[in-house]
N, C-alpha and C. Protein backbone atom coordinates (compact mmCIF):
# COMPACT_ATOMS: atom_id res chain seq x y z
N MET A 1 166.84 16.92 33.40
CA MET A 1 168.15 17.03 32.36
C MET A 1 168.70 17.92 31.67
N SER A 2 169.78 18.44 31.67
CA SER A 2 170.36 19.77 30.79
C SER A 2 170.76 19.46 29.10
N TYR A 3 170.10 20.66 28.55
CA TYR A 3 170.19 20.61 26.86
C TYR A 3 171.02 21.18 26.16
N ALA A 4 172.19 21.34 26.89
CA ALA A 4 173.09 22.26 26.78
C ALA A 4 174.54 21.47 26.39
N HIS A 5 175.06 20.64 25.38
CA HIS A 5 176.77 20.76 25.73
C HIS A 5 177.18 21.71 25.67
N THR A 6 178.33 21.45 26.80
CA THR A 6 179.41 23.07 27.36
C THR A 6 180.50 22.39 27.13
N VAL A 7 181.60 23.56 26.27
CA VAL A 7 183.32 23.04 26.77
C VAL A 7 183.64 24.95 26.78
N THR A 8 184.90 24.95 27.27
CA THR A 8 185.15 26.26 28.02
C THR A 8 186.62 26.03 27.42
N ILE A 9 187.23 27.06 26.29
CA ILE A 9 188.08 26.60 26.10
C ILE A 9 189.64 27.71 26.47
N ALA A 10 190.60 28.04 26.09
CA ALA A 10 191.61 29.09 26.19
C ALA A 10 191.73 29.29 24.77
N LEU A 11 190.96 29.75 23.82
CA LEU A 11 191.28 30.45 22.86
C LEU A 11 190.74 31.66 22.03
N PRO A 12 191.35 32.73 21.66
CA PRO A 12 190.72 33.73 20.98
C PRO A 12 188.82 33.76 20.80
N TYR A 13 188.15 34.62 21.49
CA TYR A 13 187.08 34.40 20.45
C TYR A 13 187.22 34.18 19.04
N GLU A 14 187.76 35.04 18.05
CA GLU A 14 187.79 34.85 16.39
C GLU A 14 188.32 33.36 15.96
N VAL A 15 189.54 32.83 17.08
CA VAL A 15 189.89 31.33 16.23
C VAL A 15 188.22 30.52 17.09
N ALA A 16 188.04 31.08 18.21
CA ALA A 16 187.44 29.60 18.48
C ALA A 16 186.08 29.45 17.88
N VAL A 17 184.98 30.93 16.48
CA VAL A 17 184.99 30.38 16.11
C VAL A 17 185.05 29.55 14.64
N GLN A 18 186.16 30.37 14.25
CA GLN A 18 186.53 29.25 13.07
C GLN A 18 186.75 28.24 13.89
N ARG A 19 187.34 27.56 15.00
CA ARG A 19 187.94 26.82 14.24
C ARG A 19 186.51 26.01 15.10
N THR A 20 185.30 26.38 15.90
CA THR A 20 184.50 25.94 15.92
C THR A 20 182.75 25.23 14.34
N ARG A 21 183.10 26.24 13.63
CA ARG A 21 182.56 26.03 12.33
C ARG A 21 183.29 25.01 11.50
N GLU A 22 185.04 24.58 11.53
CA GLU A 22 185.46 23.15 10.81
C GLU A 22 185.09 22.59 11.27
N LEU A 23 185.33 22.00 12.94
CA LEU A 23 184.80 20.94 13.11
C LEU A 23 183.24 20.50 12.85
N LEU A 24 182.71 21.23 12.64
CA LEU A 24 181.69 21.28 12.82
C LEU A 24 181.74 20.59 11.19
N THR A 25 181.66 21.59 10.71
CA THR A 25 181.84 20.72 9.11
C THR A 25 182.43 19.18 8.85
N GLU A 26 183.33 18.99 9.56
CA GLU A 26 183.97 17.68 9.49
C GLU A 26 183.08 16.18 10.08
N GLN A 27 181.90 17.24 10.65
CA GLN A 27 181.47 16.05 11.40
C GLN A 27 179.81 16.32 10.06
N GLY A 28 179.73 17.03 9.72
CA GLY A 28 178.18 17.11 8.52
C GLY A 28 177.31 18.31 8.42
N PHE A 29 178.09 18.87 9.07
CA PHE A 29 177.22 19.74 10.25
C PHE A 29 177.80 21.44 8.52
N GLY A 30 176.33 21.93 8.58
CA GLY A 30 177.13 23.78 7.75
C GLY A 30 175.89 24.44 8.59
N VAL A 31 176.87 25.63 8.34
CA VAL A 31 175.49 26.86 9.31
C VAL A 31 175.02 27.46 7.96
N LEU A 32 173.78 27.54 8.35
CA LEU A 32 172.06 27.45 7.49
C LEU A 32 172.58 29.43 8.31
N SER A 33 172.23 29.78 9.88
CA SER A 33 172.61 30.99 10.16
C SER A 33 173.43 31.61 10.62
N GLU A 34 173.30 32.84 10.63
CA GLU A 34 174.53 33.13 11.99
C GLU A 34 173.88 34.34 12.19
N ILE A 35 173.70 34.63 13.59
CA ILE A 35 173.04 35.47 14.17
C ILE A 35 173.91 36.26 15.64
N ASN A 36 174.77 37.63 15.01
CA ASN A 36 175.60 38.32 15.94
C ASN A 36 174.87 38.47 16.64
N VAL A 37 174.31 38.38 17.96
CA VAL A 37 173.41 38.64 19.04
C VAL A 37 174.08 40.31 19.73
N ARG A 38 175.44 40.40 20.24
CA ARG A 38 176.29 41.16 19.99
C ARG A 38 176.00 43.16 19.35
N SER A 39 176.15 42.57 18.34
CA SER A 39 175.90 43.26 17.34
C SER A 39 174.20 44.14 16.91
N THR A 40 173.50 42.50 17.12
CA THR A 40 171.79 42.55 17.12
C THR A 40 171.42 43.89 18.89
N PHE A 41 172.28 43.76 20.09
CA PHE A 41 172.42 44.59 21.30
C PHE A 41 172.80 46.12 21.01
N GLU A 42 173.55 46.12 19.84
CA GLU A 42 174.29 47.13 19.81
C GLU A 42 173.55 47.89 18.93
N ALA A 43 172.79 47.26 17.88
CA ALA A 43 171.66 48.04 17.07
C ALA A 43 170.13 48.19 17.77
N LYS A 44 169.90 47.38 18.46
CA LYS A 44 168.48 46.93 19.14
C LYS A 44 168.23 48.14 20.75
N LEU A 45 169.64 47.96 21.58
CA LEU A 45 169.94 48.67 22.85
C LEU A 45 170.58 49.40 23.50
N GLY A 46 171.78 49.47 22.03
CA GLY A 46 173.31 50.49 22.73
C GLY A 46 173.81 49.39 22.80
N VAL A 47 175.20 50.40 22.86
CA VAL A 47 176.58 50.34 23.22
C VAL A 47 176.92 49.76 24.25
N GLU A 48 175.85 50.28 24.93
CA GLU A 48 176.06 49.67 26.90
C GLU A 48 176.01 48.23 27.16
N SER A 49 174.81 47.80 26.06
CA SER A 49 174.26 46.63 26.14
C SER A 49 174.97 45.75 25.25
N ALA A 50 175.47 45.53 24.31
CA ALA A 50 176.65 45.35 23.68
C ALA A 50 177.65 44.86 24.67
N GLN A 51 178.77 46.03 24.87
CA GLN A 51 179.55 45.65 25.39
C GLN A 51 179.31 44.85 26.75
N ALA A 52 178.73 44.81 27.34
CA ALA A 52 177.86 44.07 28.65
C ALA A 52 178.00 42.23 28.00
N LEU A 53 176.94 42.41 27.45
CA LEU A 53 177.29 40.86 27.22
C LEU A 53 178.46 40.49 26.37
N GLY A 54 179.26 41.00 25.92
CA GLY A 54 180.69 40.95 25.35
C GLY A 54 180.25 39.96 23.79
N ASP A 55 181.25 39.55 23.34
CA ASP A 55 181.25 38.61 21.90
C ASP A 55 180.28 37.23 22.49
N TYR A 56 179.00 37.36 21.27
CA TYR A 56 178.39 36.24 21.24
C TYR A 56 177.38 35.97 19.83
N VAL A 57 177.36 34.73 19.10
CA VAL A 57 177.45 34.41 18.29
C VAL A 57 176.59 33.20 18.19
N ILE A 58 175.59 32.95 17.58
CA ILE A 58 174.96 31.66 17.51
C ILE A 58 174.76 31.24 15.75
N LEU A 59 175.38 30.31 15.81
CA LEU A 59 175.59 29.24 14.75
C LEU A 59 173.58 28.39 14.70
N GLY A 60 173.30 28.39 13.36
CA GLY A 60 172.03 27.79 13.04
C GLY A 60 172.63 26.30 12.33
N VAL A 61 173.39 25.62 12.68
CA VAL A 61 174.02 23.90 12.17
C VAL A 61 173.07 23.32 11.80
N CYS A 62 172.79 22.27 10.46
CA CYS A 62 171.46 21.40 10.19
C CYS A 62 173.24 20.54 9.41
N ASN A 63 172.93 19.08 9.34
CA ASN A 63 173.75 17.98 9.23
C ASN A 63 172.47 17.63 7.93
N PRO A 64 172.58 17.89 6.82
CA PRO A 64 171.22 17.52 5.66
C PRO A 64 170.47 16.07 5.91
N VAL A 65 171.52 15.10 6.40
CA VAL A 65 171.27 13.50 6.13
C VAL A 65 170.29 13.28 7.01
N LEU A 66 171.07 13.79 8.63
CA LEU A 66 170.19 13.48 9.13
C LEU A 66 168.84 14.56 9.89
N ALA A 67 168.97 15.70 8.78
CA ALA A 67 167.67 16.53 9.17
C ALA A 67 166.37 15.69 8.58
N GLN A 68 166.77 14.78 6.85
CA GLN A 68 165.69 14.87 6.07
C GLN A 68 166.13 13.22 6.27
N ARG A 69 166.49 12.89 7.63
CA ARG A 69 166.27 11.35 8.07
C ARG A 69 164.80 11.77 9.64
N ALA A 70 165.04 13.11 10.26
CA ALA A 70 164.51 13.26 11.15
C ALA A 70 162.80 14.09 10.58
N LEU A 71 162.76 14.24 9.50
CA LEU A 71 161.74 15.49 8.95
C LEU A 71 160.79 14.10 7.96
N THR A 72 161.52 13.01 8.33
CA THR A 72 160.44 11.87 7.26
C THR A 72 160.27 11.13 8.73
N ALA A 73 160.77 11.14 9.33
CA ALA A 73 159.88 10.14 10.21
C ALA A 73 158.76 11.04 11.24
N GLU A 74 159.38 12.20 11.38
CA GLU A 74 158.04 13.50 12.10
C GLU A 74 158.40 14.86 11.20
N PRO A 75 157.57 15.15 10.12
CA PRO A 75 157.96 16.44 10.16
C PRO A 75 157.76 17.32 10.71
N ASP A 76 156.98 16.92 12.14
CA ASP A 76 156.76 18.31 13.47
C ASP A 76 157.40 19.06 13.39
N MET A 77 158.96 17.86 13.55
CA MET A 77 160.45 18.09 13.81
C MET A 77 161.34 19.18 13.61
N GLY A 78 161.37 19.65 12.55
CA GLY A 78 161.07 20.72 11.41
C GLY A 78 161.23 22.06 12.07
N VAL A 79 160.18 22.13 13.78
CA VAL A 79 160.39 24.38 14.42
C VAL A 79 161.34 23.69 15.20
N LEU A 80 162.41 22.44 15.64
CA LEU A 80 163.58 22.04 16.79
C LEU A 80 164.98 22.20 15.79
N LEU A 81 164.40 22.91 13.86
CA LEU A 81 166.01 22.88 13.77
C LEU A 81 165.81 24.13 13.09
N PRO A 82 167.55 24.41 12.32
CA PRO A 82 168.47 24.37 12.39
C PRO A 82 168.99 24.02 14.03
N CYS A 83 169.93 22.99 14.14
CA CYS A 83 170.69 22.98 15.51
C CYS A 83 171.21 24.11 16.18
N ASN A 84 171.30 24.76 17.20
CA ASN A 84 171.73 26.20 17.97
C ASN A 84 173.50 25.71 18.31
N VAL A 85 174.77 26.16 18.29
CA VAL A 85 175.77 25.94 18.67
C VAL A 85 175.44 27.75 18.89
N VAL A 86 176.59 28.27 19.86
CA VAL A 86 176.49 29.40 20.77
C VAL A 86 177.76 29.34 21.01
N ILE A 87 178.74 30.58 20.34
CA ILE A 87 179.57 30.69 20.97
C ILE A 87 180.10 31.93 21.40
N ARG A 88 180.84 32.16 23.02
CA ARG A 88 180.64 33.45 23.83
C ARG A 88 181.81 33.81 24.27
N ARG A 89 181.91 35.34 24.37
CA ARG A 89 182.69 35.33 25.37
C ARG A 89 182.53 36.71 26.73
N GLY A 90 182.96 36.72 27.06
CA GLY A 90 182.11 37.56 28.59
C GLY A 90 183.14 39.04 27.88
N PRO A 91 182.69 40.48 28.22
CA PRO A 91 183.44 41.31 27.88
C PRO A 91 184.97 41.10 29.39
N ASP A 92 184.93 40.57 29.96
CA ASP A 92 185.90 41.02 30.86
C ASP A 92 187.05 38.79 31.02
N ALA A 93 186.08 37.79 30.32
CA ALA A 93 186.91 36.61 29.98
C ALA A 93 188.20 36.65 29.33
N THR A 94 188.69 35.21 30.11
CA THR A 94 189.98 35.02 29.49
C THR A 94 189.69 33.72 28.84
N VAL A 95 188.73 33.50 28.90
CA VAL A 95 188.73 32.23 27.74
C VAL A 95 187.13 32.16 26.69
N THR A 96 186.81 31.42 26.32
CA THR A 96 186.14 31.07 25.48
C THR A 96 184.60 30.00 25.80
N VAL A 97 183.70 30.14 25.70
CA VAL A 97 182.46 29.09 25.66
C VAL A 97 182.06 28.32 24.52
N VAL A 98 181.93 27.41 24.33
CA VAL A 98 180.93 27.09 23.51
C VAL A 98 180.02 25.56 23.49
N GLN A 99 178.95 25.77 23.16
CA GLN A 99 177.92 25.22 23.82
C GLN A 99 177.23 25.05 22.27
N THR A 100 176.10 23.36 22.68
CA THR A 100 175.66 23.12 21.26
C THR A 100 174.61 22.65 22.24
N ILE A 101 172.85 22.57 21.11
CA ILE A 101 171.84 22.18 21.61
C ILE A 101 172.03 20.47 21.72
N ASP A 102 171.70 19.90 23.45
CA ASP A 102 171.50 18.81 23.10
C ASP A 102 170.51 17.77 22.00
N PRO A 103 170.90 17.31 20.83
CA PRO A 103 169.91 16.91 20.83
C PRO A 103 168.70 15.51 21.25
N GLN A 104 169.43 15.12 22.20
CA GLN A 104 168.40 13.98 23.66
C GLN A 104 167.34 15.27 23.45
N THR A 105 167.34 16.10 23.34
CA THR A 105 166.13 17.02 24.08
C THR A 105 164.75 16.95 22.47
N MET A 106 165.27 16.24 21.19
CA MET A 106 163.66 16.27 20.32
C MET A 106 163.63 15.07 21.02
N VAL A 107 163.83 13.94 21.80
CA VAL A 107 163.40 12.61 21.63
C VAL A 107 162.06 12.80 23.19
N GLN A 108 162.54 13.77 23.61
CA GLN A 108 161.57 13.92 24.76
C GLN A 108 160.20 14.48 24.46
N LEU A 109 159.89 14.67 23.08
CA LEU A 109 159.02 15.58 21.83
C LEU A 109 158.89 14.56 21.43
N SER A 110 159.25 13.36 21.03
CA SER A 110 158.19 12.61 20.31
C SER A 110 158.72 11.29 20.78
N ASP A 111 158.07 9.74 19.97
CA ASP A 111 158.50 8.63 20.74
C ASP A 111 158.93 7.90 19.66
N SER A 112 159.16 8.74 18.42
CA SER A 112 159.73 7.52 17.04
C SER A 112 161.05 7.11 17.49
N SER A 113 161.07 6.05 17.29
CA SER A 113 161.91 5.16 17.33
C SER A 113 163.10 6.36 16.33
N ALA A 114 162.83 6.01 15.02
CA ALA A 114 163.89 6.92 14.10
C ALA A 114 164.27 8.65 14.61
N VAL A 115 163.26 8.96 15.26
CA VAL A 115 163.97 10.86 15.45
C VAL A 115 164.83 10.19 17.10
N GLN A 116 164.71 8.95 17.36
CA GLN A 116 165.60 8.39 18.20
C GLN A 116 167.06 8.69 17.69
N GLU A 117 167.01 7.94 17.16
CA GLU A 117 168.52 7.10 16.42
C GLU A 117 169.19 8.22 15.88
N VAL A 118 168.13 9.47 14.79
CA VAL A 118 168.87 11.02 14.73
C VAL A 118 168.90 11.18 15.62
N ALA A 119 168.83 12.30 16.81
CA ALA A 119 169.40 12.26 17.98
C ALA A 119 170.09 11.55 18.66
N ASN A 120 170.28 10.33 18.22
CA ASN A 120 171.93 9.79 18.94
C ASN A 120 173.19 10.03 17.91
N ASP A 121 172.72 9.89 16.76
CA ASP A 121 174.06 10.20 15.49
C ASP A 121 174.11 11.69 15.86
N ALA A 122 172.91 12.53 16.10
CA ALA A 122 173.14 14.77 15.69
C ALA A 122 174.16 14.08 16.97
N ASP A 123 174.52 13.78 17.82
CA ASP A 123 174.79 14.24 19.58
C ASP A 123 175.50 12.92 19.31
N ALA A 124 176.48 11.99 19.35
CA ALA A 124 177.68 12.31 18.59
C ALA A 124 178.64 13.28 18.05
N ARG A 125 177.57 13.27 16.98
CA ARG A 125 178.64 14.41 16.08
C ARG A 125 178.73 15.73 16.74
N LEU A 126 178.18 16.31 17.42
CA LEU A 126 177.88 17.43 17.56
C LEU A 126 179.40 17.41 19.30
N ARG A 127 178.95 16.25 19.96
CA ARG A 127 179.44 15.94 21.18
C ARG A 127 181.13 16.11 20.80
N SER A 128 181.41 15.14 19.33
CA SER A 128 183.09 14.99 18.97
C SER A 128 183.18 15.84 18.36
N ALA A 129 182.64 16.88 17.88
CA ALA A 129 183.06 18.27 17.42
C ALA A 129 183.46 19.20 18.66
N LEU A 130 182.81 19.02 19.38
CA LEU A 130 183.22 19.73 20.72
C LEU A 130 184.45 19.18 21.53
N LYS A 131 184.67 17.47 21.20
CA LYS A 131 185.89 17.45 21.79
C LYS A 131 186.86 17.38 21.22
N ASN A 132 187.12 17.61 20.04
CA ASN A 132 188.11 17.71 19.42
C ASN A 132 188.45 19.42 19.63
N LEU A 133 187.18 20.09 19.74
CA LEU A 133 187.73 21.57 19.59
C LEU A 133 188.10 21.50 21.11
N GLU A 134 187.61 21.57 21.78
CA GLU A 134 188.50 21.44 23.54
C GLU A 134 189.90 20.96 23.11
N ALA A 135 190.13 19.68 22.40
CA ALA A 135 191.57 19.20 22.57
C ALA A 135 192.44 20.22 22.02
N LYS A 136 192.05 21.03 20.36
CA LYS A 136 192.21 22.07 19.81
C LYS A 136 192.52 23.09 21.14
N GLY A 137 191.65 23.51 21.72
CA GLY A 137 191.44 24.87 23.24
C GLY A 137 192.67 24.57 23.94
N GLN A 138 193.39 24.01 24.29
CA GLN A 138 194.53 23.34 25.14
C GLN A 138 195.17 22.94 24.84
N SER A 139 196.11 23.11 23.60
CA SER A 139 197.36 23.86 22.93
C SER A 139 197.42 25.01 22.99
């Protein structure tokens, strides 16, 4: 089983980050954390490492309603939250890659039907955001 949903879009990196945020918001997700991996590499490993990586950000996103349902059903699910969304573009790339975690990975770790329902809902919302992003990335 793949653990990520991925789209590749012909948008500049900064535009892809902004549109991703907007489309996730439309699906009820908020950004709880943001890790600029490129900046971290530059600070900890040097400019060459950052340049070799290219632009790379990890957004920790959460839909509060879905999180509440998952944590009520199984409090240990908190170790899998928030959902990660990656937006990256290699140094010589002409496209930007956007990836979300596949929420179905949670189901592999739980026997709870309530967790299955939450994963299905989150999956549909994340896929919808990526589908809309992909459609906007073609224009």
